PDB file of N, CA and C in Angstrom:
ATOM      1  N   MET A   1      80.877 104.307  98.602  1.00  0.00           N
ATOM      2  CA  MET A   1      82.199 104.504  98.027  1.00  0.00           C
ATOM      3  C   MET A   1      82.866 103.148  97.823  1.00  0.00           C
ATOM      4  N   LYS A   2      83.390 102.944  96.637  1.00  0.00           N
ATOM      5  CA  LYS A   2      84.135 101.722  96.348  1.00  0.00           C
ATOM      6  C   LYS A   2      85.499 101.803  97.025  1.00  0.00           C
ATOM      7  N   LEU A   3      86.022 100.645  97.382  1.00  0.00           N
ATOM      8  CA  LEU A   3      87.351 100.624  98.008  1.00  0.00           C
ATOM      9  C   LEU A   3      88.377 101.316  97.116  1.00  0.00           C
ATOM     10  N   ARG A   4      88.323 101.063  95.838  1.00  0.00           N
ATOM     11  CA  ARG A   4      89.305 101.609  94.889  1.00  0.00           C
ATOM     12  C   ARG A   4      89.302 103.141  94.902  1.00  0.00           C
ATOM     13  N   ASP A   5      88.158 103.748  95.251  1.00  0.00           N
ATOM     14  CA  ASP A   5      88.059 105.206  95.280  1.00  0.00           C
ATOM     15  C   ASP A   5      88.848 105.820  96.430  1.00  0.00           C
ATOM     16  N   ARG A   6      89.317 105.014  97.365  1.00  0.00           N
ATOM     17  CA  ARG A   6      90.094 105.518  98.499  1.00  0.00           C
ATOM     18  C   ARG A   6      91.569 105.723  98.146  1.00  0.00           C
ATOM     19  N   ILE A   7      91.963 105.312  96.939  1.00  0.00           N
ATOM     20  CA  ILE A   7      93.360 105.418  96.513  1.00  0.00           C
ATOM     21  C   ILE A   7      93.466 106.529  95.474  1.00  0.00           C
ATOM     22  N   GLU A   8      94.480 107.384  95.644  1.00  0.00           N
ATOM     23  CA  GLU A   8      94.701 108.460  94.687  1.00  0.00           C
ATOM     24  C   GLU A   8      96.188 108.570  94.371  1.00  0.00           C
ATOM     25  N   ALA A   9      96.480 109.163  93.235  1.00  0.00           N
ATOM     26  CA  ALA A   9      97.865 109.416  92.833  1.00  0.00           C
ATOM     27  C   ALA A   9      97.923 110.833  92.289  1.00  0.00           C
ATOM     28  N   LYS A  10      98.780 111.644  92.906  1.00  0.00           N
ATOM     29  CA  LYS A  10      98.957 113.035  92.479  1.00  0.00           C
ATOM     30  C   LYS A  10     100.445 113.274  92.270  1.00  0.00           C
ATOM     31  N   PRO A  11     100.808 113.939  91.184  1.00  0.00           N
ATOM     32  CA  PRO A  11     102.224 114.169  90.900  1.00  0.00           C
ATOM     33  C   PRO A  11     103.003 114.794  92.057  1.00  0.00           C
ATOM     34  N   GLY A  12     102.393 115.670  92.838  1.00  0.00           N
ATOM     35  CA  GLY A  12     103.099 116.354  93.911  1.00  0.00           C
ATOM     36  C   GLY A  12     103.138 115.611  95.236  1.00  0.00           C
ATOM     37  N   VAL A  13     102.556 114.424  95.282  1.00  0.00           N
ATOM     38  CA  VAL A  13     102.524 113.644  96.527  1.00  0.00           C
ATOM     39  C   VAL A  13     103.291 112.346  96.308  1.00  0.00           C
ATOM     40  N   LEU A  14     104.395 112.203  97.020  1.00  0.00           N
ATOM     41  CA  LEU A  14     105.266 111.014  96.925  1.00  0.00           C
ATOM     42  C   LEU A  14     105.613 110.652  95.483  1.00  0.00           C
ATOM     43  N   GLY A  15     105.865 111.668  94.689  1.00  0.00           N
ATOM     44  CA  GLY A  15     106.283 111.424  93.308  1.00  0.00           C
ATOM     45  C   GLY A  15     105.233 110.744  92.448  1.00  0.00           C
ATOM     46  N   GLY A  16     103.977 110.879  92.823  1.00  0.00           N
ATOM     47  CA  GLY A  16     102.901 110.291  92.029  1.00  0.00           C
ATOM     48  C   GLY A  16     102.550 108.862  92.393  1.00  0.00           C
ATOM     49  N   LYS A  17     103.192 108.337  93.437  1.00  0.00           N
ATOM     50  CA  LYS A  17     102.856 106.971  93.863  1.00  0.00           C
ATOM     51  C   LYS A  17     101.419 106.939  94.386  1.00  0.00           C
ATOM     52  N   PRO A  18     100.736 105.810  94.236  1.00  0.00           N
ATOM     53  CA  PRO A  18      99.388 105.715  94.788  1.00  0.00           C
ATOM     54  C   PRO A  18      99.424 105.733  96.316  1.00  0.00           C
ATOM     55  N   VAL A  19      98.552 106.575  96.889  1.00  0.00           N
ATOM     56  CA  VAL A  19      98.474 106.728  98.341  1.00  0.00           C
ATOM     57  C   VAL A  19      97.021 106.609  98.784  1.00  0.00           C
ATOM     58  N   ILE A  20      96.828 106.412 100.073  1.00  0.00           N
ATOM     59  CA  ILE A  20      95.491 106.432 100.637  1.00  0.00           C
ATOM     60  C   ILE A  20      95.011 107.878 100.579  1.00  0.00           C
ATOM     61  N   GLU A  21      93.825 108.070 100.066  1.00  0.00           N
ATOM     62  CA  GLU A  21      93.272 109.410  99.843  1.00  0.00           C
ATOM     63  C   GLU A  21      93.433 110.310 101.070  1.00  0.00           C
ATOM     64  N   GLY A  22      93.952 111.507 100.819  1.00  0.00           N
ATOM     65  CA  GLY A  22      94.104 112.490 101.878  1.00  0.00           C
ATOM     66  C   GLY A  22      95.291 112.267 102.796  1.00  0.00           C
ATOM     67  N   THR A  23      96.162 111.311 102.445  1.00  0.00           N
ATOM     68  CA  THR A  23      97.336 111.029 103.271  1.00  0.00           C
ATOM     69  C   THR A  23      98.588 110.996 102.400  1.00  0.00           C
ATOM     70  N   ARG A  24      99.714 110.803 103.047  1.00  0.00           N
ATOM     71  CA  ARG A  24     100.969 110.549 102.343  1.00  0.00           C
ATOM     72  C   ARG A  24     101.411 109.110 102.617  1.00  0.00           C
ATOM     73  N   ILE A  25     100.455 108.261 102.925  1.00  0.00           N
ATOM     74  CA  ILE A  25     100.741 106.847 103.204  1.00  0.00           C
ATOM     75  C   ILE A  25     100.519 106.064 101.909  1.00  0.00           C
ATOM     76  N   SER A  26     101.608 105.504 101.385  1.00  0.00           N
ATOM     77  CA  SER A  26     101.529 104.833 100.088  1.00  0.00           C
ATOM     78  C   SER A  26     100.947 103.431 100.208  1.00  0.00           C
ATOM     79  N   VAL A  27     100.342 103.022  99.113  1.00  0.00           N
ATOM     80  CA  VAL A  27      99.853 101.646  98.995  1.00  0.00           C
ATOM     81  C   VAL A  27     101.019 100.690  99.211  1.00  0.00           C
ATOM     82  N   GLU A  28     102.145 101.029  98.638  1.00  0.00           N
ATOM     83  CA  GLU A  28     103.355 100.209  98.760  1.00  0.00           C
ATOM     84  C   GLU A  28     103.740  99.995 100.224  1.00  0.00           C
ATOM     85  N   LEU A  29     103.696 101.044 101.031  1.00  0.00           N
ATOM     86  CA  LEU A  29     104.051 100.939 102.447  1.00  0.00           C
ATOM     87  C   LEU A  29     103.110  99.969 103.170  1.00  0.00           C
ATOM     88  N   ILE A  30     101.814 100.124 102.938  1.00  0.00           N
ATOM     89  CA  ILE A  30     100.846  99.247 103.590  1.00  0.00           C
ATOM     90  C   ILE A  30     101.060  97.799 103.164  1.00  0.00           C
ATOM     91  N   LEU A  31     101.284  97.561 101.876  1.00  0.00           N
ATOM     92  CA  LEU A  31     101.519  96.202 101.396  1.00  0.00           C
ATOM     93  C   LEU A  31     102.806  95.615 101.977  1.00  0.00           C
ATOM     94  N   ASP A  32     103.845  96.444 102.095  1.00  0.00           N
ATOM     95  CA  ASP A  32     105.094  95.981 102.711  1.00  0.00           C
ATOM     96  C   ASP A  32     104.858  95.563 104.161  1.00  0.00           C
ATOM     97  N   PHE A  33     104.107  96.374 104.897  1.00  0.00           N
ATOM     98  CA  PHE A  33     103.788  96.010 106.277  1.00  0.00           C
ATOM     99  C   PHE A  33     103.037  94.683 106.337  1.00  0.00           C
ATOM    100  N   LEU A  34     102.009  94.543 105.520  1.00  0.00           N
ATOM    101  CA  LEU A  34     101.223  93.306 105.528  1.00  0.00           C
ATOM    102  C   LEU A  34     102.084  92.102 105.137  1.00  0.00           C
ATOM    103  N   ALA A  35     102.936  92.277 104.145  1.00  0.00           N
ATOM    104  CA  ALA A  35     103.804  91.188 103.690  1.00  0.00           C
ATOM    105  C   ALA A  35     104.801  90.775 104.764  1.00  0.00           C
ATOM    106  N   SER A  36     105.183  91.714 105.631  1.00  0.00           N
ATOM    107  CA  SER A  36     106.152  91.389 106.679  1.00  0.00           C
ATOM    108  C   SER A  36     105.489  90.799 107.922  1.00  0.00           C
ATOM    109  N   GLY A  37     104.149  90.670 107.877  1.00  0.00           N
ATOM    110  CA  GLY A  37     103.457  90.034 108.991  1.00  0.00           C
ATOM    111  C   GLY A  37     102.712  90.976 109.911  1.00  0.00           C
ATOM    112  N   THR A  38     102.786  92.274 109.642  1.00  0.00           N
ATOM    113  CA  THR A  38     102.027  93.228 110.445  1.00  0.00           C
ATOM    114  C   THR A  38     100.544  92.978 110.211  1.00  0.00           C
ATOM    115  N   THR A  39      99.767  92.934 111.258  1.00  0.00           N
ATOM    116  CA  THR A  39      98.340  92.675 111.114  1.00  0.00           C
ATOM    117  C   THR A  39      97.583  93.973 110.845  1.00  0.00           C
ATOM    118  N   VAL A  40      96.376  93.827 110.358  1.00  0.00           N
ATOM    119  CA  VAL A  40      95.518  94.987 110.135  1.00  0.00           C
ATOM    120  C   VAL A  40      95.304  95.717 111.454  1.00  0.00           C
ATOM    121  N   GLU A  41      95.097  94.964 112.519  1.00  0.00           N
ATOM    122  CA  GLU A  41      94.882  95.573 113.834  1.00  0.00           C
ATOM    123  C   GLU A  41      96.095  96.395 114.271  1.00  0.00           C
ATOM    124  N   GLU A  42      97.299  95.887 114.021  1.00  0.00           N
ATOM    125  CA  GLU A  42      98.516  96.629 114.368  1.00  0.00           C
ATOM    126  C   GLU A  42      98.625  97.914 113.547  1.00  0.00           C
ATOM    127  N   LEU A  43      98.298  97.825 112.263  1.00  0.00           N
ATOM    128  CA  LEU A  43      98.334  99.020 111.426  1.00  0.00           C
ATOM    129  C   LEU A  43      97.341 100.066 111.909  1.00  0.00           C
ATOM    130  N   LEU A  44      96.156  99.634 112.286  1.00  0.00           N
ATOM    131  CA  LEU A  44      95.143 100.567 112.772  1.00  0.00           C
ATOM    132  C   LEU A  44      95.571 101.216 114.089  1.00  0.00           C
ATOM    133  N   LYS A  45      96.301 100.468 114.905  1.00  0.00           N
ATOM    134  CA  LYS A  45      96.805 101.026 116.159  1.00  0.00           C
ATOM    135  C   LYS A  45      97.924 102.038 115.888  1.00  0.00           C
ATOM    136  N   ASP A  46      98.828 101.686 114.959  1.00  0.00           N
ATOM    137  CA  ASP A  46      99.958 102.557 114.645  1.00  0.00           C
ATOM    138  C   ASP A  46      99.562 103.783 113.821  1.00  0.00           C
ATOM    139  N   TYR A  47      98.507 103.655 113.042  1.00  0.00           N
ATOM    140  CA  TYR A  47      98.013 104.746 112.203  1.00  0.00           C
ATOM    141  C   TYR A  47      96.528 104.937 112.491  1.00  0.00           C
ATOM    142  N   PRO A  48      96.193 105.548 113.635  1.00  0.00           N
ATOM    143  CA  PRO A  48      94.798 105.615 114.080  1.00  0.00           C
ATOM    144  C   PRO A  48      93.862 106.381 113.144  1.00  0.00           C
ATOM    145  N   HIS A  49      94.408 107.199 112.255  1.00  0.00           N
ATOM    146  CA  HIS A  49      93.551 107.926 111.318  1.00  0.00           C
ATOM    147  C   HIS A  49      93.146 107.070 110.114  1.00  0.00           C
ATOM    148  N   LEU A  50      93.738 105.877 109.978  1.00  0.00           N
ATOM    149  CA  LEU A  50      93.346 104.962 108.902  1.00  0.00           C
ATOM    150  C   LEU A  50      92.168 104.106 109.336  1.00  0.00           C
ATOM    151  N   THR A  51      91.477 103.564 108.347  1.00  0.00           N
ATOM    152  CA  THR A  51      90.370 102.645 108.613  1.00  0.00           C
ATOM    153  C   THR A  51      90.691 101.296 107.995  1.00  0.00           C
ATOM    154  N   ARG A  52      89.958 100.310 108.427  1.00  0.00           N
ATOM    155  CA  ARG A  52      90.099  98.970 107.848  1.00  0.00           C
ATOM    156  C   ARG A  52      89.862  99.035 106.337  1.00  0.00           C
ATOM    157  N   GLU A  53      88.902  99.857 105.926  1.00  0.00           N
ATOM    158  CA  GLU A  53      88.594  99.991 104.503  1.00  0.00           C
ATOM    159  C   GLU A  53      89.763 100.595 103.727  1.00  0.00           C
ATOM    160  N   ASP A  54      90.505 101.503 104.348  1.00  0.00           N
ATOM    161  CA  ASP A  54      91.698 102.068 103.701  1.00  0.00           C
ATOM    162  C   ASP A  54      92.708 100.965 103.403  1.00  0.00           C
ATOM    163  N   ILE A  55      92.906 100.090 104.373  1.00  0.00           N
ATOM    164  CA  ILE A  55      93.879  99.006 104.204  1.00  0.00           C
ATOM    165  C   ILE A  55      93.398  98.021 103.149  1.00  0.00           C
ATOM    166  N   LEU A  56      92.119  97.690 103.190  1.00  0.00           N
ATOM    167  CA  LEU A  56      91.556  96.796 102.168  1.00  0.00           C
ATOM    168  C   LEU A  56      91.636  97.441 100.785  1.00  0.00           C
ATOM    169  N   ALA A  57      91.503  98.759 100.722  1.00  0.00           N
ATOM    170  CA  ALA A  57      91.619  99.459  99.446  1.00  0.00           C
ATOM    171  C   ALA A  57      93.012  99.297  98.858  1.00  0.00           C
ATOM    172  N   CYS A  58      94.025  99.276  99.707  1.00  0.00           N
ATOM    173  CA  CYS A  58      95.394  99.055  99.231  1.00  0.00           C
ATOM    174  C   CYS A  58      95.539  97.674  98.605  1.00  0.00           C
ATOM    175  N   VAL A  59      94.967  96.694  99.256  1.00  0.00           N
ATOM    176  CA  VAL A  59      95.027  95.325  98.726  1.00  0.00           C
ATOM    177  C   VAL A  59      94.237  95.240  97.417  1.00  0.00           C
ATOM    178  N   ALA A  60      93.072  95.867  97.371  1.00  0.00           N
ATOM    179  CA  ALA A  60      92.254  95.859  96.154  1.00  0.00           C
ATOM    180  C   ALA A  60      92.979  96.562  95.010  1.00  0.00           C
ATOM    181  N   TYR A  61      93.654  97.665  95.332  1.00  0.00           N
ATOM    182  CA  TYR A  61      94.417  98.391  94.308  1.00  0.00           C
ATOM    183  C   TYR A  61      95.510  97.484  93.726  1.00  0.00           C
ATOM    184  N   ALA A  62      96.221  96.790  94.592  1.00  0.00           N
ATOM    185  CA  ALA A  62      97.287  95.895  94.125  1.00  0.00           C
ATOM    186  C   ALA A  62      96.709  94.775  93.253  1.00  0.00           C
ATOM    187  N   ALA A  63      95.587  94.225  93.668  1.00  0.00           N
ATOM    188  CA  ALA A  63      94.956  93.154  92.888  1.00  0.00           C
ATOM    189  C   ALA A  63      94.527  93.674  91.516  1.00  0.00           C
ATOM    190  N   ASP A  64      93.934  94.865  91.474  1.00  0.00           N
ATOM    191  CA  ASP A  64      93.526  95.454  90.198  1.00  0.00           C
ATOM    192  C   ASP A  64      94.725  95.692  89.291  1.00  0.00           C
ATOM    193  N   THR A  65      95.800  96.183  89.880  1.00  0.00           N
ATOM    194  CA  THR A  65      97.004  96.462  89.098  1.00  0.00           C
ATOM    195  C   THR A  65      97.575  95.174  88.514  1.00  0.00           C
ATOM    196  N   LEU A  66      97.657  94.131  89.323  1.00  0.00           N
ATOM    197  CA  LEU A  66      98.192  92.858  88.840  1.00  0.00           C
ATOM    198  C   LEU A  66      97.266  92.195  87.826  1.00  0.00           C
ATOM    199  N   ARG A  67      95.979  92.400  87.992  1.00  0.00           N
ATOM    200  CA  ARG A  67      95.011  91.810  87.071  1.00  0.00           C
ATOM    201  C   ARG A  67      95.226  92.323  85.650  1.00  0.00           C
ATOM    202  N   SER A  68      95.644  93.563  85.518  1.00  0.00           N
ATOM    203  CA  SER A  68      95.831  94.144  84.188  1.00  0.00           C
ATOM    204  C   SER A  68      97.265  93.992  83.678  1.00  0.00           C
ATOM    205  N   GLU A  69      98.144  93.461  84.500  1.00  0.00           N
ATOM    206  CA  GLU A  69      99.541  93.292  84.092  1.00  0.00           C
ATOM    207  C   GLU A  69      99.669  92.122  83.128  1.00  0.00           C
ATOM    208  N   ARG A  70     100.484  92.295  82.128  1.00  0.00           N
ATOM    209  CA  ARG A  70     100.758  91.223  81.167  1.00  0.00           C
ATOM    210  C   ARG A  70     102.227  90.840  81.274  1.00  0.00           C
ATOM    211  N   VAL A  71     102.476  89.549  81.299  1.00  0.00           N
ATOM    212  CA  VAL A  71     103.851  89.046  81.387  1.00  0.00           C
ATOM    213  C   VAL A  71     104.126  88.255  80.119  1.00  0.00           C
ATOM    214  N   TYR A  72     105.226  88.572  79.484  1.00  0.00           N
ATOM    215  CA  TYR A  72     105.610  87.887  78.245  1.00  0.00           C
ATOM    216  C   TYR A  72     106.918  87.150  78.486  1.00  0.00           C
ATOM    217  N   PRO A  73     106.926  85.856  78.167  1.00  0.00           N
ATOM    218  CA  PRO A  73     108.168  85.101  78.347  1.00  0.00           C
ATOM    219  C   PRO A  73     109.256  85.615  77.386  1.00  0.00           C
ATOM    220  N   VAL A  74     110.468  85.629  77.893  1.00  0.00           N
ATOM    221  CA  VAL A  74     111.601  86.042  77.093  1.00  0.00           C
ATOM    222  C   VAL A  74     112.498  84.824  76.941  1.00  0.00           C
ATOM    223  N   SER A  75     112.766  84.476  75.715  1.00  0.00           N
ATOM    224  CA  SER A  75     113.619  83.307  75.492  1.00  0.00           C
ATOM    225  C   SER A  75     115.076  83.723  75.609  1.00  0.00           C
ATOM    226  N   SER A  76     115.854  82.875  76.253  1.00  0.00           N
ATOM    227  CA  SER A  76     117.297  83.167  76.354  1.00  0.00           C
ATOM    228  C   SER A  76     118.005  82.439  75.232  1.00  0.00           C
ATOM    229  N   SER A  77     118.819  83.159  74.535  1.00  0.00           N
ATOM    230  CA  SER A  77     119.542  82.561  73.398  1.00  0.00           C
ATOM    231  C   SER A  77     120.988  82.374  73.722  1.00  0.00           C
TER     232      SER A  77
END
């Protein structure tokens, strides 16, 4: 199973936000925790039903999303 396959988005779950498959834990929540300094080990302790691969899948999902994002400069007049 690819890491990306661990992420799903369903209209009836958290308004369609991407979540870890089979949970209501959003990719956004995991990324917020990591950005605030929470370690993978702390997340695994706090959410024992998650795996290291689930957390890595969140990071991979974010990287894939940003990879396809296009930014266009806007000139100020």
